[in-house]
């Protein structure tokens, strides 16, 4: 795994989750954890790029996914689309975990089915972005409906 995927998660997914779940108001301790985790991830990714390390990005990636899944799980009852956000994160983590485990534990099998693994990762990555867009649009619509009810 290259540093690009953990970078994308740290750069785009973490702020999206913070804004979407409104962690600053609802879970201030998780908001701070996500902020600190993001800074640590950027630092570790910089070290990985400078040292040309292949071992560092996977733990960073999974750590960031766990960091993002925490508030989504905790707020699944409070925030209408937190469950959708949680189910956006879980398949991404599972597919990439299976990919990394297969690559390290069974390299010959991984080489034979590399196309399958790459296809699965691509599909789940695109699916995650689609679910994020759907969740954002549903949240906007929910907020519009709430404003209409408040005005009446």
N, C-alpha and C. Protein backbone atom coordinates (compact mmCIF):
# COMPACT_ATOMS: atom_id res chain seq x y z
N UNK A 1 0.86 -1.17 0.00
CA UNK A 1 0.00 0.00 0.00
C UNK A 1 0.90 1.23 0.00
N UNK A 2 0.61 2.14 -0.89
CA UNK A 2 1.39 3.36 -0.94
C UNK A 2 0.85 4.37 0.07
N UNK A 3 1.50 5.49 0.16
CA UNK A 3 1.08 6.50 1.12
C UNK A 3 -0.14 7.28 0.64
N UNK A 4 -0.54 7.11 -0.61
CA UNK A 4 -1.60 7.93 -1.19
C UNK A 4 -2.95 7.68 -0.51
N UNK A 5 -3.31 6.44 -0.30
CA UNK A 5 -4.62 6.15 0.30
C UNK A 5 -4.73 6.67 1.73
N UNK A 6 -3.74 6.42 2.60
CA UNK A 6 -3.84 7.03 3.94
C UNK A 6 -3.86 8.56 3.88
N UNK A 7 -3.14 9.13 2.92
CA UNK A 7 -3.15 10.58 2.77
C UNK A 7 -4.55 11.07 2.39
N UNK A 8 -5.20 10.37 1.45
CA UNK A 8 -6.56 10.75 1.05
C UNK A 8 -7.53 10.64 2.22
N UNK A 9 -7.38 9.60 3.01
CA UNK A 9 -8.26 9.43 4.18
C UNK A 9 -8.03 10.57 5.17
N UNK A 10 -6.76 10.89 5.43
CA UNK A 10 -6.45 11.96 6.39
C UNK A 10 -6.86 13.32 5.86
N UNK A 11 -6.69 13.54 4.57
CA UNK A 11 -6.93 14.86 4.01
C UNK A 11 -8.41 15.12 3.73
N UNK A 12 -9.14 14.08 3.27
CA UNK A 12 -10.53 14.28 2.88
C UNK A 12 -11.54 13.66 3.85
N UNK A 13 -11.33 12.40 4.22
CA UNK A 13 -12.34 11.69 5.01
C UNK A 13 -12.46 12.22 6.44
N UNK A 14 -11.35 12.48 7.09
CA UNK A 14 -11.42 12.95 8.47
C UNK A 14 -12.16 14.29 8.60
N UNK A 15 -11.82 15.31 7.80
CA UNK A 15 -12.59 16.56 7.90
C UNK A 15 -14.06 16.39 7.50
N UNK A 16 -14.31 15.52 6.52
CA UNK A 16 -15.69 15.26 6.11
C UNK A 16 -16.48 14.69 7.28
N UNK A 17 -15.91 13.72 7.98
CA UNK A 17 -16.61 13.11 9.11
C UNK A 17 -16.80 14.12 10.24
N UNK A 18 -15.78 14.93 10.50
CA UNK A 18 -15.92 15.94 11.55
C UNK A 18 -17.06 16.91 11.24
N UNK A 19 -17.13 17.35 10.01
CA UNK A 19 -18.18 18.30 9.62
C UNK A 19 -19.54 17.60 9.56
N UNK A 20 -19.58 16.42 8.98
CA UNK A 20 -20.83 15.70 8.78
C UNK A 20 -21.47 15.32 10.12
N UNK A 21 -20.67 14.81 11.03
CA UNK A 21 -21.20 14.37 12.33
C UNK A 21 -21.22 15.50 13.36
N UNK A 22 -20.68 16.65 12.99
CA UNK A 22 -20.61 17.80 13.90
C UNK A 22 -19.99 17.38 15.23
N UNK A 23 -18.81 16.78 15.12
CA UNK A 23 -18.14 16.26 16.31
C UNK A 23 -17.72 17.35 17.28
N UNK A 24 -17.49 18.58 16.78
CA UNK A 24 -17.09 19.66 17.68
C UNK A 24 -18.17 19.93 18.73
N UNK A 25 -19.45 19.83 18.33
CA UNK A 25 -20.54 20.07 19.26
C UNK A 25 -20.99 18.79 19.97
N UNK A 26 -21.05 17.71 19.24
CA UNK A 26 -21.64 16.48 19.80
C UNK A 26 -20.65 15.64 20.59
N UNK A 27 -19.44 15.50 20.07
CA UNK A 27 -18.41 14.69 20.73
C UNK A 27 -17.09 15.46 20.71
N UNK A 28 -16.93 16.45 21.58
CA UNK A 28 -15.71 17.27 21.52
C UNK A 28 -14.42 16.48 21.75
N UNK A 29 -14.48 15.44 22.58
CA UNK A 29 -13.27 14.66 22.81
C UNK A 29 -12.87 13.88 21.55
N UNK A 30 -13.85 13.37 20.81
CA UNK A 30 -13.54 12.69 19.55
C UNK A 30 -13.10 13.68 18.49
N UNK A 31 -13.63 14.88 18.52
CA UNK A 31 -13.20 15.91 17.58
C UNK A 31 -11.71 16.19 17.78
N UNK A 32 -11.32 16.30 19.04
CA UNK A 32 -9.90 16.54 19.34
C UNK A 32 -9.05 15.33 18.95
N UNK A 33 -9.53 14.13 19.21
CA UNK A 33 -8.79 12.92 18.84
C UNK A 33 -8.59 12.84 17.33
N UNK A 34 -9.63 13.16 16.58
CA UNK A 34 -9.52 13.12 15.12
C UNK A 34 -8.52 14.17 14.65
N UNK A 35 -8.56 15.34 15.24
CA UNK A 35 -7.61 16.39 14.84
C UNK A 35 -6.17 15.97 15.13
N UNK A 36 -5.93 15.43 16.32
CA UNK A 36 -4.58 14.99 16.68
C UNK A 36 -4.17 13.80 15.82
N UNK A 37 -5.08 12.86 15.60
CA UNK A 37 -4.79 11.70 14.75
C UNK A 37 -4.43 12.11 13.34
N UNK A 38 -5.10 13.12 12.84
CA UNK A 38 -4.81 13.62 11.49
C UNK A 38 -3.40 14.19 11.41
N UNK A 39 -3.02 14.98 12.41
CA UNK A 39 -1.67 15.55 12.43
C UNK A 39 -0.60 14.46 12.57
N UNK A 40 -0.86 13.49 13.43
CA UNK A 40 0.08 12.37 13.59
C UNK A 40 0.19 11.59 12.28
N UNK A 41 -0.93 11.37 11.62
CA UNK A 41 -0.92 10.63 10.34
C UNK A 41 -0.09 11.38 9.30
N UNK A 42 -0.26 12.69 9.21
CA UNK A 42 0.53 13.45 8.25
C UNK A 42 2.02 13.35 8.57
N UNK A 43 2.37 13.42 9.85
CA UNK A 43 3.77 13.28 10.24
C UNK A 43 4.33 11.91 9.90
N UNK A 44 3.57 10.86 10.22
CA UNK A 44 4.04 9.51 9.91
C UNK A 44 4.11 9.25 8.41
N UNK A 45 3.18 9.82 7.66
CA UNK A 45 3.23 9.67 6.20
C UNK A 45 4.44 10.40 5.62
N UNK A 46 4.79 11.53 6.20
CA UNK A 46 6.00 12.23 5.77
C UNK A 46 7.23 11.37 6.03
N UNK A 47 7.28 10.75 7.20
CA UNK A 47 8.39 9.84 7.52
C UNK A 47 8.41 8.67 6.54
N UNK A 48 7.24 8.12 6.21
CA UNK A 48 7.16 6.99 5.28
C UNK A 48 7.66 7.39 3.89
N UNK A 49 7.35 8.60 3.45
CA UNK A 49 7.80 9.05 2.14
C UNK A 49 9.30 9.29 2.15
N UNK A 50 9.81 9.93 3.19
CA UNK A 50 11.24 10.25 3.27
C UNK A 50 12.07 8.98 3.37
N UNK A 51 11.62 8.01 4.16
CA UNK A 51 12.38 6.77 4.34
C UNK A 51 12.03 5.71 3.31
N UNK A 52 11.07 5.99 2.45
CA UNK A 52 10.61 5.04 1.43
C UNK A 52 10.16 3.73 2.06
N UNK A 53 9.40 3.84 3.14
CA UNK A 53 8.93 2.69 3.89
C UNK A 53 7.61 2.17 3.32
N UNK A 54 7.54 0.87 3.14
CA UNK A 54 6.29 0.22 2.71
C UNK A 54 5.51 -0.33 3.90
N UNK A 55 6.16 -0.40 5.06
CA UNK A 55 5.53 -1.00 6.23
C UNK A 55 4.66 -0.02 7.01
N UNK A 56 4.89 1.27 6.86
CA UNK A 56 4.21 2.27 7.68
C UNK A 56 2.80 2.65 7.20
N UNK A 57 2.53 2.79 5.91
CA UNK A 57 1.18 3.23 5.50
C UNK A 57 0.01 2.33 5.90
N UNK A 58 0.10 0.99 5.85
CA UNK A 58 -1.08 0.20 6.24
C UNK A 58 -1.55 0.44 7.68
N UNK A 59 -0.65 0.45 8.68
CA UNK A 59 -1.16 0.74 10.03
C UNK A 59 -1.74 2.15 10.16
N UNK A 60 -1.17 3.10 9.44
CA UNK A 60 -1.71 4.46 9.47
C UNK A 60 -3.13 4.45 8.90
N UNK A 61 -3.30 3.77 7.77
CA UNK A 61 -4.61 3.70 7.11
C UNK A 61 -5.65 3.08 8.03
N UNK A 62 -5.32 1.94 8.64
CA UNK A 62 -6.30 1.26 9.50
C UNK A 62 -6.54 2.05 10.78
N UNK A 63 -5.52 2.70 11.29
CA UNK A 63 -5.70 3.55 12.46
C UNK A 63 -6.64 4.70 12.18
N UNK A 64 -6.50 5.31 11.01
CA UNK A 64 -7.39 6.41 10.63
C UNK A 64 -8.83 5.92 10.44
N UNK A 65 -8.99 4.73 9.84
CA UNK A 65 -10.35 4.20 9.67
C UNK A 65 -11.01 3.91 11.01
N UNK A 66 -10.24 3.38 11.95
CA UNK A 66 -10.79 3.13 13.28
C UNK A 66 -11.14 4.45 13.96
N UNK A 67 -10.27 5.44 13.78
CA UNK A 67 -10.52 6.76 14.35
C UNK A 67 -11.78 7.39 13.79
N UNK A 68 -12.07 7.14 12.54
CA UNK A 68 -13.27 7.70 11.89
C UNK A 68 -14.51 6.88 12.25
N UNK A 69 -14.35 5.57 12.37
CA UNK A 69 -15.50 4.71 12.65
C UNK A 69 -16.03 4.91 14.07
N UNK A 70 -15.18 5.32 14.99
CA UNK A 70 -15.61 5.52 16.38
C UNK A 70 -16.76 6.49 16.52
N UNK A 71 -16.60 7.74 16.08
CA UNK A 71 -17.71 8.69 16.21
C UNK A 71 -18.93 8.29 15.38
N UNK A 72 -18.71 7.70 14.22
CA UNK A 72 -19.84 7.28 13.39
C UNK A 72 -20.67 6.22 14.12
N UNK A 73 -20.00 5.32 14.82
CA UNK A 73 -20.72 4.29 15.56
C UNK A 73 -21.41 4.90 16.79
N UNK A 74 -20.72 5.79 17.49
CA UNK A 74 -21.30 6.38 18.70
C UNK A 74 -22.50 7.26 18.40
N UNK A 75 -22.51 7.90 17.23
CA UNK A 75 -23.60 8.82 16.89
C UNK A 75 -24.63 8.21 15.95
N UNK A 76 -24.62 6.90 15.81
CA UNK A 76 -25.53 6.27 14.83
C UNK A 76 -27.00 6.48 15.17
N UNK A 77 -27.33 6.69 16.44
CA UNK A 77 -28.72 6.92 16.82
C UNK A 77 -29.08 8.40 16.79
N UNK A 78 -28.10 9.27 17.05
CA UNK A 78 -28.35 10.72 17.09
C UNK A 78 -28.41 11.35 15.71
N UNK A 79 -27.46 11.00 14.87
CA UNK A 79 -27.35 11.61 13.54
C UNK A 79 -28.02 10.67 12.54
N UNK A 80 -28.94 11.19 11.74
CA UNK A 80 -29.71 10.31 10.84
C UNK A 80 -28.86 9.48 9.88
N UNK A 81 -27.79 10.04 9.35
CA UNK A 81 -27.02 9.32 8.34
C UNK A 81 -25.69 8.79 8.86
N UNK A 82 -25.50 8.76 10.16
CA UNK A 82 -24.25 8.24 10.72
C UNK A 82 -24.10 6.75 10.42
N UNK A 83 -25.21 6.05 10.39
CA UNK A 83 -25.16 4.62 10.09
C UNK A 83 -24.66 4.40 8.66
N UNK A 84 -25.13 5.22 7.73
CA UNK A 84 -24.66 5.13 6.34
C UNK A 84 -23.17 5.44 6.27
N UNK A 85 -22.75 6.42 7.02
CA UNK A 85 -21.33 6.77 7.06
C UNK A 85 -20.51 5.62 7.64
N UNK A 86 -21.02 4.99 8.69
CA UNK A 86 -20.33 3.85 9.29
C UNK A 86 -20.20 2.71 8.29
N UNK A 87 -21.26 2.46 7.53
CA UNK A 87 -21.21 1.38 6.54
C UNK A 87 -20.42 1.78 5.29
N UNK A 88 -20.06 3.03 5.20
CA UNK A 88 -19.14 3.46 4.15
C UNK A 88 -17.71 3.09 4.56
N UNK A 89 -17.42 3.17 5.84
CA UNK A 89 -16.07 2.97 6.35
C UNK A 89 -15.75 1.49 6.52
N UNK A 90 -16.68 0.71 7.02
CA UNK A 90 -16.43 -0.70 7.33
C UNK A 90 -16.00 -1.52 6.11
N UNK A 91 -16.71 -1.48 4.98
CA UNK A 91 -16.26 -2.27 3.83
C UNK A 91 -14.88 -1.86 3.32
N UNK A 92 -14.60 -0.57 3.39
CA UNK A 92 -13.28 -0.10 2.98
C UNK A 92 -12.19 -0.74 3.83
N UNK A 93 -12.40 -0.75 5.14
CA UNK A 93 -11.43 -1.36 6.04
C UNK A 93 -11.32 -2.86 5.85
N UNK A 94 -12.45 -3.53 5.68
CA UNK A 94 -12.43 -5.00 5.54
C UNK A 94 -11.72 -5.42 4.26
N UNK A 95 -12.03 -4.78 3.14
CA UNK A 95 -11.41 -5.16 1.87
C UNK A 95 -9.91 -4.90 1.89
N UNK A 96 -9.52 -3.75 2.42
CA UNK A 96 -8.09 -3.46 2.47
C UNK A 96 -7.37 -4.33 3.48
N UNK A 97 -8.04 -4.73 4.56
CA UNK A 97 -7.43 -5.66 5.52
C UNK A 97 -7.21 -7.02 4.87
N UNK A 98 -8.21 -7.52 4.18
CA UNK A 98 -8.05 -8.81 3.48
C UNK A 98 -6.94 -8.72 2.45
N UNK A 99 -6.88 -7.62 1.72
CA UNK A 99 -5.82 -7.42 0.73
C UNK A 99 -4.44 -7.45 1.37
N UNK A 100 -4.27 -6.72 2.47
CA UNK A 100 -2.96 -6.68 3.12
C UNK A 100 -2.59 -8.01 3.75
N UNK A 101 -3.55 -8.68 4.37
CA UNK A 101 -3.26 -9.99 4.95
C UNK A 101 -2.89 -11.01 3.88
N UNK A 102 -3.61 -10.98 2.77
CA UNK A 102 -3.28 -11.91 1.68
C UNK A 102 -1.90 -11.61 1.10
N UNK A 103 -1.57 -10.34 1.00
CA UNK A 103 -0.27 -9.96 0.44
C UNK A 103 0.88 -10.43 1.33
N UNK A 104 0.72 -10.34 2.64
CA UNK A 104 1.80 -10.70 3.55
C UNK A 104 1.82 -12.17 3.92
N UNK A 105 0.66 -12.81 4.06
CA UNK A 105 0.62 -14.19 4.50
C UNK A 105 0.70 -15.19 3.35
N UNK A 106 0.08 -14.87 2.23
CA UNK A 106 0.07 -15.78 1.09
C UNK A 106 0.47 -15.03 -0.18
N UNK A 107 1.75 -14.69 -0.31
CA UNK A 107 2.17 -13.85 -1.45
C UNK A 107 1.93 -14.52 -2.81
N UNK A 108 2.08 -15.82 -2.89
CA UNK A 108 1.87 -16.49 -4.17
C UNK A 108 0.39 -16.42 -4.59
N UNK A 109 -0.49 -16.68 -3.64
CA UNK A 109 -1.93 -16.56 -3.90
C UNK A 109 -2.28 -15.12 -4.28
N UNK A 110 -1.69 -14.18 -3.58
CA UNK A 110 -1.95 -12.77 -3.86
C UNK A 110 -1.50 -12.40 -5.27
N UNK A 111 -0.35 -12.88 -5.67
CA UNK A 111 0.14 -12.59 -7.03
C UNK A 111 -0.77 -13.20 -8.09
N UNK A 112 -1.28 -14.41 -7.84
CA UNK A 112 -2.16 -15.05 -8.81
C UNK A 112 -3.50 -14.32 -8.97
N UNK A 113 -3.99 -13.77 -7.87
CA UNK A 113 -5.30 -13.11 -7.89
C UNK A 113 -5.18 -11.60 -7.66
N UNK A 114 -4.08 -11.03 -8.08
CA UNK A 114 -3.84 -9.60 -7.90
C UNK A 114 -4.93 -8.75 -8.55
N UNK A 115 -5.36 -9.14 -9.73
CA UNK A 115 -6.40 -8.38 -10.44
C UNK A 115 -7.70 -8.36 -9.64
N UNK A 116 -8.04 -9.48 -9.04
CA UNK A 116 -9.25 -9.56 -8.22
C UNK A 116 -9.15 -8.62 -7.02
N UNK A 117 -8.01 -8.63 -6.35
CA UNK A 117 -7.82 -7.76 -5.19
C UNK A 117 -7.87 -6.28 -5.59
N UNK A 118 -7.22 -5.94 -6.69
CA UNK A 118 -7.22 -4.55 -7.15
C UNK A 118 -8.63 -4.10 -7.54
N UNK A 119 -9.37 -4.99 -8.18
CA UNK A 119 -10.74 -4.67 -8.57
C UNK A 119 -11.62 -4.46 -7.34
N UNK A 120 -11.49 -5.35 -6.36
CA UNK A 120 -12.29 -5.21 -5.13
C UNK A 120 -11.96 -3.91 -4.41
N UNK A 121 -10.67 -3.57 -4.35
CA UNK A 121 -10.28 -2.32 -3.69
C UNK A 121 -10.83 -1.11 -4.44
N UNK A 122 -10.78 -1.16 -5.75
CA UNK A 122 -11.29 -0.04 -6.55
C UNK A 122 -12.79 0.12 -6.37
N UNK A 123 -13.51 -0.99 -6.41
CA UNK A 123 -14.97 -0.94 -6.25
C UNK A 123 -15.35 -0.38 -4.89
N UNK A 124 -14.72 -0.86 -3.84
CA UNK A 124 -15.09 -0.41 -2.50
C UNK A 124 -14.67 1.05 -2.28
N UNK A 125 -13.58 1.48 -2.91
CA UNK A 125 -13.15 2.86 -2.80
C UNK A 125 -14.16 3.79 -3.47
N UNK A 126 -14.58 3.43 -4.68
CA UNK A 126 -15.58 4.23 -5.40
C UNK A 126 -16.91 4.20 -4.64
N UNK A 127 -17.29 3.03 -4.14
CA UNK A 127 -18.52 2.90 -3.37
C UNK A 127 -18.50 3.80 -2.13
N UNK A 128 -17.35 3.90 -1.49
CA UNK A 128 -17.24 4.76 -0.31
C UNK A 128 -17.49 6.22 -0.66
N UNK A 129 -16.93 6.66 -1.78
CA UNK A 129 -17.17 8.05 -2.19
C UNK A 129 -18.63 8.27 -2.57
N UNK A 130 -19.23 7.30 -3.24
CA UNK A 130 -20.64 7.43 -3.61
C UNK A 130 -21.51 7.49 -2.36
N UNK A 131 -21.23 6.64 -1.38
CA UNK A 131 -22.00 6.66 -0.14
C UNK A 131 -21.79 7.97 0.63
N UNK A 132 -20.58 8.51 0.57
CA UNK A 132 -20.33 9.80 1.22
C UNK A 132 -21.14 10.91 0.57
N UNK A 133 -21.23 10.90 -0.74
CA UNK A 133 -22.02 11.90 -1.45
C UNK A 133 -23.50 11.74 -1.13
N UNK A 134 -23.98 10.50 -1.11
CA UNK A 134 -25.38 10.24 -0.77
C UNK A 134 -25.67 10.71 0.65
N UNK A 135 -24.78 10.39 1.58
CA UNK A 135 -24.99 10.80 2.97
C UNK A 135 -25.01 12.32 3.10
N UNK A 136 -24.11 12.98 2.39
CA UNK A 136 -24.07 14.45 2.45
C UNK A 136 -25.36 15.05 1.89
N UNK A 137 -25.82 14.53 0.76
CA UNK A 137 -27.06 15.04 0.17
C UNK A 137 -28.27 14.77 1.06
N UNK A 138 -28.32 13.60 1.68
CA UNK A 138 -29.41 13.30 2.59
C UNK A 138 -29.37 14.22 3.81
N UNK A 139 -28.18 14.52 4.28
CA UNK A 139 -28.05 15.41 5.43
C UNK A 139 -28.52 16.82 5.07
N UNK A 140 -28.17 17.29 3.90
CA UNK A 140 -28.63 18.61 3.45
C UNK A 140 -30.16 18.65 3.36
N UNK A 141 -30.74 17.61 2.79
CA UNK A 141 -32.20 17.55 2.67
C UNK A 141 -32.85 17.50 4.05
N UNK A 142 -32.26 16.74 4.95
CA UNK A 142 -32.77 16.66 6.31
C UNK A 142 -32.72 18.02 6.99
N UNK A 143 -31.63 18.75 6.80
CA UNK A 143 -31.51 20.09 7.39
C UNK A 143 -32.52 21.06 6.79
N UNK A 144 -32.78 20.95 5.49
CA UNK A 144 -33.80 21.81 4.86
C UNK A 144 -35.18 21.52 5.44
N UNK A 145 -35.50 20.25 5.60
CA UNK A 145 -36.80 19.87 6.17
C UNK A 145 -36.92 20.37 7.61
N UNK A 146 -35.84 20.28 8.35
CA UNK A 146 -35.84 20.75 9.74
C UNK A 146 -36.07 22.26 9.79
N UNK A 147 -35.43 23.00 8.89
CA UNK A 147 -35.62 24.45 8.84
C UNK A 147 -37.06 24.81 8.48
N UNK A 148 -37.66 24.06 7.55
CA UNK A 148 -39.06 24.30 7.19
C UNK A 148 -39.97 24.10 8.39
N UNK A 149 -39.73 23.03 9.14
CA UNK A 149 -40.55 22.76 10.32
C UNK A 149 -40.35 23.82 11.39
N UNK A 150 -39.13 24.31 11.54
CA UNK A 150 -38.87 25.35 12.53
C UNK A 150 -39.54 26.67 12.15
N UNK A 151 -39.65 26.94 10.86
CA UNK A 151 -40.27 28.18 10.41
C UNK A 151 -41.79 28.14 10.57
N UNK A 152 -42.36 26.96 10.51
CA UNK A 152 -43.83 26.82 10.63
C UNK A 152 -44.29 26.84 12.03
